Amino acid sequence: MPKAHAALAELKGIAQTIPNQNILINTLALQEAKDSSEIENVITTHDELYKSELNLISSIESNEVQNYIEALKYGYELVKQKNLLTNNAIVKIQSRIEKNKAGFRKVPGTVLKNSTTSEVVYTPPQDHKDILHLMKNLESFINDDAISDLDPIVKMAVIHLQFESIHPFYDGNGRTGRIINILYLINQKLLNLPILYLSNYIIKNKVKYYELLQMVRRENKWEEWIIYIIDSVEKTSIDTIELIGQIKILMQNSKIELRTRYKFYSQDLLNNLYKHPYSKIEFLVRDLRVSRLTAANYLNHLAKDGILKKEKLGKSNYYINEKLFDLLKKR
């Protein structure tokens, strides 16, 4: 436990050293959206992910990933404003993931099945009143620290299991639950930004994740589940610290090169190139408040000199920060 808290504290600190924290919110949220969706067998490549951010492609998979990003950022803003994580907020987060307003389940029949054998492995509460009651209790547990003196990371493990076991929505429970994890840590002041995402750890340890969920449900064996979550927080924090450090090095190297070579260098330009692995003229127009012609000249100049890679899809040009792309792809 102390190691997990130390890693979280270090992550919180290093995030403050990035001059524009939207860089981390955007790049890491893109990665998390891809990973969290992959757990639900919604598979996208990095290339598809970044093209969809530019509105250059549209597919069911890429749209679902973009919906997740929207829901994550929306939830973060809600928690920042209200310092609470309410059921109303959770419903709104899920509605952005699934693009519906079905709310908590009202019709019985939802069961969780083994994706390979179709065997029913778990039947969540079926009655709408039971779901409302359980979610009300969970809302109180999340927000009222007087109810429990559990360590916040242990409490997050309990919250996650309880939410996934209530399974309050027809669809989107897994992705909503993983957003709740990060928002809870922010609400507890263990982090300031939504940058700790456990989805990649879960992908690497997916079988164990579901086995431990079932052990708690069937046998009330909590210890291994809690250890699993503590371990995931520690290891993911360490991985994210390393990633942020590598992004900082790339940014510093780019800053030196751009300042040395180009009169049009600005911190806003540098930030833009690291906020979006794939950029486009419209992003520079918006972020740098320059004309479309000026933005095109900047990007084309950087592409001509090999700092960016210029690509064309249909009638649209886009520009790839290959060093950032390669770094994120490796992860």
C-alpha atoms as a PDB file:
ATOM      1  CA  MET A   1       0.000   0.000   0.000  1.00  0.00           C
ATOM      2  CA  PRO A   2       2.689   2.636   0.849  1.00  0.00           C
ATOM      3  CA  LYS A   3       4.375   1.947  -2.510  1.00  0.00           C
ATOM      4  CA  ALA A   4       1.118   2.572  -4.390  1.00  0.00           C
ATOM      5  CA  HIS A   5       0.577   5.862  -2.548  1.00  0.00           C
ATOM      6  CA  ALA A   6       4.179   6.931  -3.160  1.00  0.00           C
ATOM      7  CA  ALA A   7       3.851   6.181  -6.872  1.00  0.00           C
ATOM      8  CA  LEU A   8       0.562   8.104  -7.054  1.00  0.00           C
ATOM      9  CA  ALA A   9       2.128  11.088  -5.284  1.00  0.00           C
ATOM     10  CA  GLU A  10       5.092  11.054  -7.681  1.00  0.00           C
ATOM     11  CA  LEU A  11       2.717  10.883 -10.648  1.00  0.00           C
ATOM     12  CA  LYS A  12       0.718  13.803  -9.306  1.00  0.00           C
ATOM     13  CA  GLY A  13       3.929  15.805  -8.952  1.00  0.00           C
ATOM     14  CA  ILE A  14       5.428  15.070 -12.364  1.00  0.00           C
ATOM     15  CA  ALA A  15       2.149  15.966 -14.074  1.00  0.00           C
ATOM     16  CA  GLN A  16       2.521  19.485 -12.677  1.00  0.00           C
ATOM     17  CA  THR A  17       5.807  19.911 -14.564  1.00  0.00           C
ATOM     18  CA  ILE A  18       4.163  19.766 -18.004  1.00  0.00           C
ATOM     19  CA  PRO A  19       3.567  23.410 -19.018  1.00  0.00           C
ATOM     20  CA  ASN A  20       0.189  22.757 -20.638  1.00  0.00           C
ATOM     21  CA  GLN A  21      -1.599  19.975 -18.831  1.00  0.00           C
ATOM     22  CA  ASN A  22      -4.153  19.589 -21.619  1.00  0.00           C
ATOM     23  CA  ILE A  23      -1.331  17.774 -23.411  1.00  0.00           C
ATOM     24  CA  LEU A  24      -1.536  14.958 -20.850  1.00  0.00           C
ATOM     25  CA  ILE A  25      -5.307  15.012 -20.589  1.00  0.00           C
ATOM     26  CA  ASN A  26      -5.653  14.623 -24.342  1.00  0.00           C
ATOM     27  CA  THR A  27      -2.832  12.213 -25.225  1.00  0.00           C
ATOM     28  CA  LEU A  28      -3.358   9.900 -22.252  1.00  0.00           C
ATOM     29  CA  ALA A  29      -7.151  10.013 -22.597  1.00  0.00           C
ATOM     30  CA  LEU A  30      -6.810   8.898 -26.218  1.00  0.00           C
ATOM     31  CA  GLN A  31      -4.675   5.957 -25.097  1.00  0.00           C
ATOM     32  CA  GLU A  32      -7.082   5.065 -22.296  1.00  0.00           C
ATOM     33  CA  ALA A  33     -10.101   5.236 -24.605  1.00  0.00           C
ATOM     34  CA  LYS A  34      -8.410   2.774 -26.927  1.00  0.00           C
ATOM     35  CA  ASP A  35      -7.447   0.389 -24.094  1.00  0.00           C
ATOM     36  CA  SER A  36     -10.736   0.579 -22.202  1.00  0.00           C
ATOM     37  CA  SER A  37     -12.688  -0.081 -25.383  1.00  0.00           C
ATOM     38  CA  GLU A  38     -10.389  -3.011 -26.208  1.00  0.00           C
ATOM     39  CA  ILE A  39     -11.428  -4.714 -22.957  1.00  0.00           C
ATOM     40  CA  GLU A  40     -14.964  -4.679 -24.394  1.00  0.00           C
ATOM     41  CA  ASN A  41     -13.620  -6.098 -27.694  1.00  0.00           C
ATOM     42  CA  VAL A  42     -13.900  -2.756 -29.482  1.00  0.00           C
ATOM     43  CA  ILE A  43     -10.600  -2.777 -31.348  1.00  0.00           C
ATOM     44  CA  THR A  44      -9.000   0.229 -33.019  1.00  0.00           C
ATOM     45  CA  THR A  45      -5.460   0.921 -34.184  1.00  0.00           C
ATOM     46  CA  HIS A  46      -3.568   4.022 -33.112  1.00  0.00           C
ATOM     47  CA  ASP A  47      -3.782   5.280 -36.679  1.00  0.00           C
ATOM     48  CA  GLU A  48      -7.581   4.913 -36.736  1.00  0.00           C
ATOM     49  CA  LEU A  49      -7.828   6.515 -33.297  1.00  0.00           C
ATOM     50  CA  TYR A  50      -5.926   9.654 -34.270  1.00  0.00           C
ATOM     51  CA  LYS A  51      -7.623   9.950 -37.665  1.00  0.00           C
ATOM     52  CA  SER A  52     -11.007   9.807 -35.979  1.00  0.00           C
ATOM     53  CA  GLU A  53      -9.948  12.689 -33.712  1.00  0.00           C
ATOM     54  CA  LEU A  54      -9.378  14.666 -36.923  1.00  0.00           C
ATOM     55  CA  ASN A  55     -12.808  13.578 -38.246  1.00  0.00           C
ATOM     56  CA  LEU A  56     -11.045  11.987 -41.218  1.00  0.00           C
ATOM     57  CA  ILE A  57     -12.594   8.555 -40.746  1.00  0.00           C
ATOM     58  CA  SER A  58     -15.742   7.244 -39.152  1.00  0.00           C
ATOM     59  CA  SER A  59     -16.424   3.676 -38.086  1.00  0.00           C
ATOM     60  CA  ILE A  60     -18.460   2.060 -35.342  1.00  0.00           C
ATOM     61  CA  GLU A  61     -15.261   1.271 -33.438  1.00  0.00           C
ATOM     62  CA  SER A  62     -13.660   4.709 -33.772  1.00  0.00           C
ATOM     63  CA  ASN A  63     -16.937   6.419 -32.868  1.00  0.00           C
ATOM     64  CA  GLU A  64     -17.222   4.324 -29.696  1.00  0.00           C
ATOM     65  CA  VAL A  65     -13.688   5.291 -28.691  1.00  0.00           C
ATOM     66  CA  GLN A  66     -14.409   8.982 -29.293  1.00  0.00           C
ATOM     67  CA  ASN A  67     -17.601   8.662 -27.218  1.00  0.00           C
ATOM     68  CA  TYR A  68     -15.482   7.295 -24.375  1.00  0.00           C
ATOM     69  CA  ILE A  69     -13.100  10.242 -24.560  1.00  0.00           C
ATOM     70  CA  GLU A  70     -16.051  12.652 -24.474  1.00  0.00           C
ATOM     71  CA  ALA A  71     -17.513  10.868 -21.431  1.00  0.00           C
ATOM     72  CA  LEU A  72     -14.176  10.844 -19.598  1.00  0.00           C
ATOM     73  CA  LYS A  73     -13.563  14.562 -20.110  1.00  0.00           C
ATOM     74  CA  TYR A  74     -17.166  15.372 -19.206  1.00  0.00           C
ATOM     75  CA  GLY A  75     -16.898  13.413 -15.956  1.00  0.00           C
ATOM     76  CA  TYR A  76     -13.621  15.129 -15.096  1.00  0.00           C
ATOM     77  CA  GLU A  77     -15.188  18.564 -15.504  1.00  0.00           C
ATOM     78  CA  LEU A  78     -18.170  17.557 -13.362  1.00  0.00           C
ATOM     79  CA  VAL A  79     -15.978  16.286 -10.511  1.00  0.00           C
ATOM     80  CA  LYS A  80     -13.770  19.399 -10.691  1.00  0.00           C
ATOM     81  CA  GLN A  81     -16.805  21.676 -10.398  1.00  0.00           C
ATOM     82  CA  LYS A  82     -18.792  19.824  -7.732  1.00  0.00           C
ATOM     83  CA  ASN A  83     -16.259  17.744  -5.774  1.00  0.00           C
ATOM     84  CA  LEU A  84     -18.821  14.964  -5.867  1.00  0.00           C
ATOM     85  CA  LEU A  85     -19.390  11.842  -7.942  1.00  0.00           C
ATOM     86  CA  THR A  86     -23.149  11.425  -7.925  1.00  0.00           C
ATOM     87  CA  ASN A  87     -25.469   8.931  -9.581  1.00  0.00           C
ATOM     88  CA  ASN A  88     -26.701  11.735 -11.789  1.00  0.00           C
ATOM     89  CA  ALA A  89     -23.135  12.256 -13.008  1.00  0.00           C
ATOM     90  CA  ILE A  90     -22.612   8.517 -13.507  1.00  0.00           C
ATOM     91  CA  VAL A  91     -25.781   8.298 -15.615  1.00  0.00           C
ATOM     92  CA  LYS A  92     -24.622  11.234 -17.732  1.00  0.00           C
ATOM     93  CA  ILE A  93     -21.191   9.673 -18.218  1.00  0.00           C
ATOM     94  CA  GLN A  94     -22.748   6.399 -19.386  1.00  0.00           C
ATOM     95  CA  SER A  95     -25.151   8.230 -21.695  1.00  0.00           C
ATOM     96  CA  ARG A  96     -22.185   9.824 -23.452  1.00  0.00           C
ATOM     97  CA  ILE A  97     -20.486   6.457 -23.856  1.00  0.00           C
ATOM     98  CA  GLU A  98     -23.543   4.729 -25.297  1.00  0.00           C
ATOM     99  CA  LYS A  99     -25.293   7.754 -26.831  1.00  0.00           C
ATOM    100  CA  ASN A 100     -28.621   6.855 -25.264  1.00  0.00           C
ATOM    101  CA  LYS A 101     -30.685   7.974 -22.293  1.00  0.00           C
ATOM    102  CA  ALA A 102     -31.854   4.579 -21.075  1.00  0.00           C
ATOM    103  CA  GLY A 103     -30.535   5.223 -17.553  1.00  0.00           C
ATOM    104  CA  PHE A 104     -30.503   2.475 -14.936  1.00  0.00           C
ATOM    105  CA  ARG A 105     -31.940  -0.876 -16.052  1.00  0.00           C
ATOM    106  CA  LYS A 106     -35.722  -1.186 -15.759  1.00  0.00           C
ATOM    107  CA  VAL A 107     -36.307  -4.481 -17.595  1.00  0.00           C
ATOM    108  CA  PRO A 108     -35.028  -7.787 -16.156  1.00  0.00           C
ATOM    109  CA  GLY A 109     -33.030 -10.259 -18.211  1.00  0.00           C
ATOM    110  CA  THR A 110     -29.465  -8.929 -18.056  1.00  0.00           C
ATOM    111  CA  VAL A 111     -26.857 -11.635 -17.427  1.00  0.00           C
ATOM    112  CA  LEU A 112     -23.087 -11.752 -17.868  1.00  0.00           C
ATOM    113  CA  LYS A 113     -21.803 -14.562 -20.078  1.00  0.00           C
ATOM    114  CA  ASN A 114     -18.472 -16.123 -20.865  1.00  0.00           C
ATOM    115  CA  SER A 115     -17.552 -14.649 -24.251  1.00  0.00           C
ATOM    116  CA  THR A 116     -16.192 -18.001 -25.465  1.00  0.00           C
ATOM    117  CA  THR A 117     -18.716 -20.530 -24.149  1.00  0.00           C
ATOM    118  CA  SER A 118     -21.784 -18.250 -23.688  1.00  0.00           C
ATOM    119  CA  GLU A 119     -22.182 -19.789 -20.220  1.00  0.00           C
ATOM    120  CA  VAL A 120     -23.868 -17.464 -17.717  1.00  0.00           C
ATOM    121  CA  VAL A 121     -21.198 -16.539 -15.166  1.00  0.00           C
ATOM    122  CA  TYR A 122     -23.046 -13.909 -13.155  1.00  0.00           C
ATOM    123  CA  THR A 123     -26.578 -12.578 -12.794  1.00  0.00           C
ATOM    124  CA  PRO A 124     -26.691  -9.014 -11.456  1.00  0.00           C
ATOM    125  CA  PRO A 125     -29.675  -7.568  -9.559  1.00  0.00           C
ATOM    126  CA  GLN A 126     -32.738  -7.589 -11.804  1.00  0.00           C
ATOM    127  CA  ASP A 127     -35.379  -5.459 -10.075  1.00  0.00           C
ATOM    128  CA  HIS A 128     -35.268  -1.748 -10.913  1.00  0.00           C
ATOM    129  CA  LYS A 129     -35.997  -0.774  -7.299  1.00  0.00           C
ATOM    130  CA  ASP A 130     -33.115  -2.939  -6.081  1.00  0.00           C
ATOM    131  CA  ILE A 131     -30.760  -1.317  -8.582  1.00  0.00           C
ATOM    132  CA  LEU A 132     -31.834   2.173  -7.472  1.00  0.00           C
ATOM    133  CA  HIS A 133     -31.380   1.240  -3.808  1.00  0.00           C
ATOM    134  CA  LEU A 134     -27.943  -0.293  -4.358  1.00  0.00           C
ATOM    135  CA  MET A 135     -26.756   2.647  -6.464  1.00  0.00           C
ATOM    136  CA  LYS A 136     -28.001   5.081  -3.812  1.00  0.00           C
ATOM    137  CA  ASN A 137     -25.951   3.215  -1.218  1.00  0.00           C
ATOM    138  CA  LEU A 138     -22.940   3.232  -3.522  1.00  0.00           C
ATOM    139  CA  GLU A 139     -23.313   6.975  -4.120  1.00  0.00           C
ATOM    140  CA  SER A 140     -23.217   7.566  -0.360  1.00  0.00           C
ATOM    141  CA  PHE A 141     -20.212   5.273   0.029  1.00  0.00           C
ATOM    142  CA  ILE A 142     -18.329   7.157  -2.714  1.00  0.00           C
ATOM    143  CA  ASN A 143     -18.980  10.650  -1.382  1.00  0.00           C
ATOM    144  CA  ASP A 144     -19.388  10.364   2.392  1.00  0.00           C
ATOM    145  CA  ASP A 145     -16.009   9.664   3.993  1.00  0.00           C
ATOM    146  CA  ALA A 146     -17.674   9.251   7.384  1.00  0.00           C
ATOM    147  CA  ILE A 147     -19.211   5.959   6.240  1.00  0.00           C
ATOM    148  CA  SER A 148     -15.859   4.200   5.992  1.00  0.00           C
ATOM    149  CA  ASP A 149     -12.290   4.808   7.105  1.00  0.00           C
ATOM    150  CA  LEU A 150     -10.845   2.556   4.404  1.00  0.00           C
ATOM    151  CA  ASP A 151      -7.725   3.713   2.598  1.00  0.00           C
ATOM    152  CA  PRO A 152      -8.857   5.481  -0.618  1.00  0.00           C
ATOM    153  CA  ILE A 153      -7.177   2.933  -2.913  1.00  0.00           C
ATOM    154  CA  VAL A 154      -8.851   0.059  -1.055  1.00  0.00           C
ATOM    155  CA  LYS A 155     -12.103   1.976  -1.184  1.00  0.00           C
ATOM    156  CA  MET A 156     -11.711   2.436  -4.941  1.00  0.00           C
ATOM    157  CA  ALA A 157     -11.320  -1.346  -5.256  1.00  0.00           C
ATOM    158  CA  VAL A 158     -14.545  -1.844  -3.317  1.00  0.00           C
ATOM    159  CA  ILE A 159     -16.381   0.805  -5.352  1.00  0.00           C
ATOM    160  CA  HIS A 160     -15.264  -0.739  -8.627  1.00  0.00           C
ATOM    161  CA  LEU A 161     -16.354  -4.234  -7.664  1.00  0.00           C
ATOM    162  CA  GLN A 162     -19.670  -3.043  -6.283  1.00  0.00           C
ATOM    163  CA  PHE A 163     -20.452  -1.000  -9.385  1.00  0.00           C
ATOM    164  CA  GLU A 164     -19.536  -3.834 -11.751  1.00  0.00           C
ATOM    165  CA  SER A 165     -21.625  -6.259  -9.665  1.00  0.00           C
ATOM    166  CA  ILE A 166     -24.692  -4.012  -9.587  1.00  0.00           C
ATOM    167  CA  HIS A 167     -24.191  -3.620 -13.365  1.00  0.00           C
ATOM    168  CA  PRO A 168     -26.796  -0.841 -13.399  1.00  0.00           C
ATOM    169  CA  PHE A 169     -26.880  -0.163 -17.153  1.00  0.00           C
ATOM    170  CA  TYR A 170     -27.879  -2.259 -20.134  1.00  0.00           C
ATOM    171  CA  ASP A 171     -24.551  -1.403 -21.808  1.00  0.00           C
ATOM    172  CA  GLY A 172     -21.349   0.497 -21.019  1.00  0.00           C
ATOM    173  CA  ASN A 173     -20.898  -0.700 -17.435  1.00  0.00           C
ATOM    174  CA  GLY A 174     -17.234  -1.679 -17.816  1.00  0.00           C
ATOM    175  CA  ARG A 175     -16.171   1.577 -19.429  1.00  0.00           C
ATOM    176  CA  THR A 176     -18.253   3.661 -17.018  1.00  0.00           C
ATOM    177  CA  GLY A 177     -16.735   1.770 -14.073  1.00  0.00           C
ATOM    178  CA  ARG A 178     -13.199   2.472 -15.270  1.00  0.00           C
ATOM    179  CA  ILE A 179     -13.988   6.181 -15.574  1.00  0.00           C
ATOM    180  CA  ILE A 180     -15.371   6.113 -12.021  1.00  0.00           C
ATOM    181  CA  ASN A 181     -11.986   4.765 -10.827  1.00  0.00           C
ATOM    182  CA  ILE A 182     -10.008   7.764 -12.011  1.00  0.00           C
ATOM    183  CA  LEU A 183     -12.667  10.290 -10.996  1.00  0.00           C
ATOM    184  CA  TYR A 184     -12.705   8.866  -7.481  1.00  0.00           C
ATOM    185  CA  LEU A 185      -8.933   9.306  -7.125  1.00  0.00           C
ATOM    186  CA  ILE A 186      -9.294  12.910  -8.295  1.00  0.00           C
ATOM    187  CA  ASN A 187     -12.162  13.474  -5.883  1.00  0.00           C
ATOM    188  CA  GLN A 188      -9.913  12.184  -3.083  1.00  0.00           C
ATOM    189  CA  LYS A 189      -7.143  14.642  -4.138  1.00  0.00           C
ATOM    190  CA  LEU A 190      -4.726  11.804  -4.856  1.00  0.00           C
ATOM    191  CA  LEU A 191      -4.469  13.187  -8.396  1.00  0.00           C
ATOM    192  CA  ASN A 192      -5.320  16.494 -10.013  1.00  0.00           C
ATOM    193  CA  LEU A 193      -5.679  15.248 -13.579  1.00  0.00           C
ATOM    194  CA  PRO A 194      -7.308  12.204 -15.214  1.00  0.00           C
ATOM    195  CA  ILE A 195      -4.048  10.515 -16.132  1.00  0.00           C
ATOM    196  CA  LEU A 196      -3.996   7.197 -14.227  1.00  0.00           C
ATOM    197  CA  TYR A 197      -5.747   4.563 -16.286  1.00  0.00           C
ATOM    198  CA  LEU A 198      -5.890   0.928 -15.261  1.00  0.00           C
ATOM    199  CA  SER A 199      -7.223  -0.437 -18.565  1.00  0.00           C
ATOM    200  CA  ASN A 200      -3.812  -1.352 -19.958  1.00  0.00           C
ATOM    201  CA  TYR A 201      -3.005  -3.293 -16.770  1.00  0.00           C
ATOM    202  CA  ILE A 202      -6.389  -5.063 -16.968  1.00  0.00           C
ATOM    203  CA  ILE A 203      -5.766  -6.028 -20.610  1.00  0.00           C
ATOM    204  CA  LYS A 204      -2.456  -7.613 -19.608  1.00  0.00           C
ATOM    205  CA  ASN A 205      -4.087  -9.408 -16.653  1.00  0.00           C
ATOM    206  CA  LYS A 206      -7.613  -9.839 -18.015  1.00  0.00           C
ATOM    207  CA  VAL A 207      -8.245 -13.448 -17.011  1.00  0.00           C
ATOM    208  CA  LYS A 208      -7.166 -12.777 -13.437  1.00  0.00           C
ATOM    209  CA  TYR A 209      -9.328  -9.627 -13.320  1.00  0.00           C
ATOM    210  CA  TYR A 210     -12.505 -11.574 -14.076  1.00  0.00           C
ATOM    211  CA  GLU A 211     -11.510 -14.512 -11.879  1.00  0.00           C
ATOM    212  CA  LEU A 212     -11.022 -12.252  -8.865  1.00  0.00           C
ATOM    213  CA  LEU A 213     -14.318 -10.441  -9.482  1.00  0.00           C
ATOM    214  CA  GLN A 214     -16.057 -13.799  -9.395  1.00  0.00           C
ATOM    215  CA  MET A 215     -14.201 -14.945  -6.265  1.00  0.00           C
ATOM    216  CA  VAL A 216     -15.590 -11.974  -4.359  1.00  0.00           C
ATOM    217  CA  ARG A 217     -19.094 -12.482  -5.732  1.00  0.00           C
ATOM    218  CA  ARG A 218     -19.217 -16.214  -5.060  1.00  0.00           C
ATOM    219  CA  GLU A 219     -17.014 -16.671  -2.007  1.00  0.00           C
ATOM    220  CA  ASN A 220     -16.681 -13.169  -0.520  1.00  0.00           C
ATOM    221  CA  LYS A 221     -12.878 -13.392  -0.919  1.00  0.00           C
ATOM    222  CA  TRP A 222     -11.787  -9.766  -0.982  1.00  0.00           C
ATOM    223  CA  GLU A 223      -8.085  -9.897  -0.171  1.00  0.00           C
ATOM    224  CA  GLU A 224      -6.740 -11.001  -3.557  1.00  0.00           C
ATOM    225  CA  TRP A 225      -9.019  -8.543  -5.376  1.00  0.00           C
ATOM    226  CA  ILE A 226      -7.818  -5.623  -3.271  1.00  0.00           C
ATOM    227  CA  ILE A 227      -4.164  -6.646  -3.723  1.00  0.00           C
ATOM    228  CA  TYR A 228      -4.763  -6.821  -7.481  1.00  0.00           C
ATOM    229  CA  ILE A 229      -6.103  -3.237  -7.548  1.00  0.00           C
ATOM    230  CA  ILE A 230      -3.312  -1.908  -5.301  1.00  0.00           C
ATOM    231  CA  ASP A 231      -0.769  -3.561  -7.592  1.00  0.00           C
ATOM    232  CA  SER A 232      -2.476  -2.107 -10.669  1.00  0.00           C
ATOM    233  CA  VAL A 233      -2.355   1.412  -9.196  1.00  0.00           C
ATOM    234  CA  GLU A 234       1.323   1.123  -8.296  1.00  0.00           C
ATOM    235  CA  LYS A 235       2.488  -0.373 -11.591  1.00  0.00           C
ATOM    236  CA  THR A 236       0.315   1.877 -13.748  1.00  0.00           C
ATOM    237  CA  SER A 237       1.535   4.947 -11.852  1.00  0.00           C
ATOM    238  CA  ILE A 238       5.144   3.934 -12.463  1.00  0.00           C
ATOM    239  CA  ASP A 239       4.463   3.279 -16.164  1.00  0.00           C
ATOM    240  CA  THR A 240       2.707   6.640 -16.524  1.00  0.00           C
ATOM    241  CA  ILE A 241       5.524   8.493 -14.749  1.00  0.00           C
ATOM    242  CA  GLU A 242       7.959   6.964 -17.237  1.00  0.00           C
ATOM    243  CA  LEU A 243       5.713   7.891 -20.184  1.00  0.00           C
ATOM    244  CA  ILE A 244       5.324  11.492 -19.027  1.00  0.00           C
ATOM    245  CA  GLY A 245       9.094  11.711 -18.563  1.00  0.00           C
ATOM    246  CA  GLN A 246       9.603  10.528 -22.136  1.00  0.00           C
ATOM    247  CA  ILE A 247       7.040  13.038 -23.436  1.00  0.00           C
ATOM    248  CA  LYS A 248       8.883  15.804 -21.565  1.00  0.00           C
ATOM    249  CA  ILE A 249      12.190  14.810 -23.178  1.00  0.00           C
ATOM    250  CA  LEU A 250      10.633  14.802 -26.653  1.00  0.00           C
ATOM    251  CA  MET A 251       9.042  18.185 -26.007  1.00  0.00           C
ATOM    252  CA  GLN A 252      12.284  19.698 -24.745  1.00  0.00           C
ATOM    253  CA  ASN A 253      14.209  18.418 -27.764  1.00  0.00           C
ATOM    254  CA  SER A 254      11.523  19.751 -30.100  1.00  0.00           C
ATOM    255  CA  LYS A 255      11.519  23.096 -28.315  1.00  0.00           C
ATOM    256  CA  ILE A 256      15.270  23.515 -28.810  1.00  0.00           C
ATOM    257  CA  GLU A 257      15.023  22.549 -32.486  1.00  0.00           C
ATOM    258  CA  LEU A 258      12.011  24.761 -33.259  1.00  0.00           C
ATOM    259  CA  ARG A 259      13.376  27.790 -31.401  1.00  0.00           C
ATOM    260  CA  THR A 260      16.711  27.469 -33.181  1.00  0.00           C
ATOM    261  CA  ARG A 261      15.343  27.017 -36.692  1.00  0.00           C
ATOM    262  CA  TYR A 262      12.059  28.923 -36.962  1.00  0.00           C
ATOM    263  CA  LYS A 263      11.062  32.496 -36.304  1.00  0.00           C
ATOM    264  CA  PHE A 264       7.447  31.368 -36.038  1.00  0.00           C
ATOM    265  CA  TYR A 265       8.190  29.165 -32.995  1.00  0.00           C
ATOM    266  CA  SER A 266       5.877  29.652 -30.030  1.00  0.00           C
ATOM    267  CA  GLN A 267       5.052  27.648 -26.918  1.00  0.00           C
ATOM    268  CA  ASP A 268       1.476  27.380 -28.193  1.00  0.00           C
ATOM    269  CA  LEU A 269       2.754  25.760 -31.400  1.00  0.00           C
ATOM    270  CA  LEU A 270       4.848  23.269 -29.431  1.00  0.00           C
ATOM    271  CA  ASN A 271       1.913  22.474 -27.158  1.00  0.00           C
ATOM    272  CA  ASN A 272      -0.327  21.855 -30.157  1.00  0.00           C
ATOM    273  CA  LEU A 273       2.109  19.406 -31.731  1.00  0.00           C
ATOM    274  CA  TYR A 274       2.166  17.358 -28.497  1.00  0.00           C
ATOM    275  CA  LYS A 275      -1.516  17.634 -27.683  1.00  0.00           C
ATOM    276  CA  HIS A 276      -2.419  15.943 -30.964  1.00  0.00           C
ATOM    277  CA  PRO A 277      -0.265  13.094 -32.351  1.00  0.00           C
ATOM    278  CA  TYR A 278      -2.039  13.836 -35.644  1.00  0.00           C
ATOM    279  CA  SER A 279      -2.626  17.541 -36.208  1.00  0.00           C
ATOM    280  CA  LYS A 280      -4.363  19.594 -38.858  1.00  0.00           C
ATOM    281  CA  ILE A 281      -4.647  23.187 -39.992  1.00  0.00           C
ATOM    282  CA  GLU A 282      -7.866  23.778 -38.053  1.00  0.00           C
ATOM    283  CA  PHE A 283      -6.180  22.870 -34.758  1.00  0.00           C
ATOM    284  CA  LEU A 284      -3.529  25.549 -35.250  1.00  0.00           C
ATOM    285  CA  VAL A 285      -6.116  28.115 -36.346  1.00  0.00           C
ATOM    286  CA  ARG A 286      -8.045  27.463 -33.127  1.00  0.00           C
ATOM    287  CA  ASP A 287      -5.146  27.128 -30.666  1.00  0.00           C
ATOM    288  CA  LEU A 288      -2.736  29.721 -32.079  1.00  0.00           C
ATOM    289  CA  ARG A 289      -5.414  32.132 -33.305  1.00  0.00           C
ATOM    290  CA  VAL A 290      -3.773  32.517 -36.689  1.00  0.00           C
ATOM    291  CA  SER A 291      -5.239  32.533 -40.180  1.00  0.00           C
ATOM    292  CA  ARG A 292      -5.743  29.331 -42.104  1.00  0.00           C
ATOM    293  CA  LEU A 293      -3.027  30.364 -44.555  1.00  0.00           C
ATOM    294  CA  THR A 294      -0.548  31.029 -41.744  1.00  0.00           C
ATOM    295  CA  ALA A 295      -1.351  27.708 -40.050  1.00  0.00           C
ATOM    296  CA  ALA A 296      -0.882  25.839 -43.334  1.00  0.00           C
ATOM    297  CA  ASN A 297       2.463  27.557 -43.904  1.00  0.00           C
ATOM    298  CA  TYR A 298       3.697  26.548 -40.432  1.00  0.00           C
ATOM    299  CA  LEU A 299       2.713  22.901 -40.825  1.00  0.00           C
ATOM    300  CA  ASN A 300       3.953  22.591 -44.399  1.00  0.00           C
ATOM    301  CA  HIS A 301       7.283  24.117 -43.429  1.00  0.00           C
ATOM    302  CA  LEU A 302       7.680  21.643 -40.571  1.00  0.00           C
ATOM    303  CA  ALA A 303       6.707  18.768 -42.863  1.00  0.00           C
ATOM    304  CA  LYS A 304       9.144  19.874 -45.555  1.00  0.00           C
ATOM    305  CA  ASP A 305      11.980  19.823 -43.000  1.00  0.00           C
ATOM    306  CA  GLY A 306      10.998  16.376 -41.716  1.00  0.00           C
ATOM    307  CA  ILE A 307       9.844  17.486 -38.266  1.00  0.00           C
ATOM    308  CA  LEU A 308       6.303  16.381 -39.103  1.00  0.00           C
ATOM    309  CA  LYS A 309       5.102  13.862 -41.669  1.00  0.00           C
ATOM    310  CA  LYS A 310       2.467  15.170 -44.062  1.00  0.00           C
ATOM    311  CA  GLU A 311      -0.226  12.770 -45.227  1.00  0.00           C
ATOM    312  CA  LYS A 312      -3.344  13.140 -47.344  1.00  0.00           C
ATOM    313  CA  LEU A 313      -6.700  11.401 -46.977  1.00  0.00           C
ATOM    314  CA  GLY A 314      -9.267  12.361 -49.563  1.00  0.00           C
ATOM    315  CA  LYS A 315      -9.045  16.123 -49.899  1.00  0.00           C
ATOM    316  CA  SER A 316      -7.669  16.670 -46.396  1.00  0.00           C
ATOM    317  CA  ASN A 317      -4.067  16.979 -45.253  1.00  0.00           C
ATOM    318  CA  TYR A 318      -2.947  15.930 -41.799  1.00  0.00           C
ATOM    319  CA  TYR A 319       0.416  16.079 -40.060  1.00  0.00           C
ATOM    320  CA  ILE A 320       1.940  13.367 -37.883  1.00  0.00           C
ATOM    321  CA  ASN A 321       4.269  13.927 -34.950  1.00  0.00           C
ATOM    322  CA  GLU A 322       6.019  10.613 -35.606  1.00  0.00           C
ATOM    323  CA  LYS A 323       8.161  10.639 -32.462  1.00  0.00           C
ATOM    324  CA  LEU A 324       5.104  11.102 -30.235  1.00  0.00           C
ATOM    325  CA  PHE A 325       3.118   8.571 -32.260  1.00  0.00           C
ATOM    326  CA  ASP A 326       5.876   5.955 -31.905  1.00  0.00           C
ATOM    327  CA  LEU A 327       6.148   6.568 -28.159  1.00  0.00           C
ATOM    328  CA  LEU A 328       2.419   6.137 -27.573  1.00  0.00           C
ATOM    329  CA  LYS A 329       2.185   3.147 -29.902  1.00  0.00           C
ATOM    330  CA  LYS A 330       4.907   1.290 -27.977  1.00  0.00           C
ATOM    331  CA  ARG A 331       2.880   1.572 -24.813  1.00  0.00           C
END
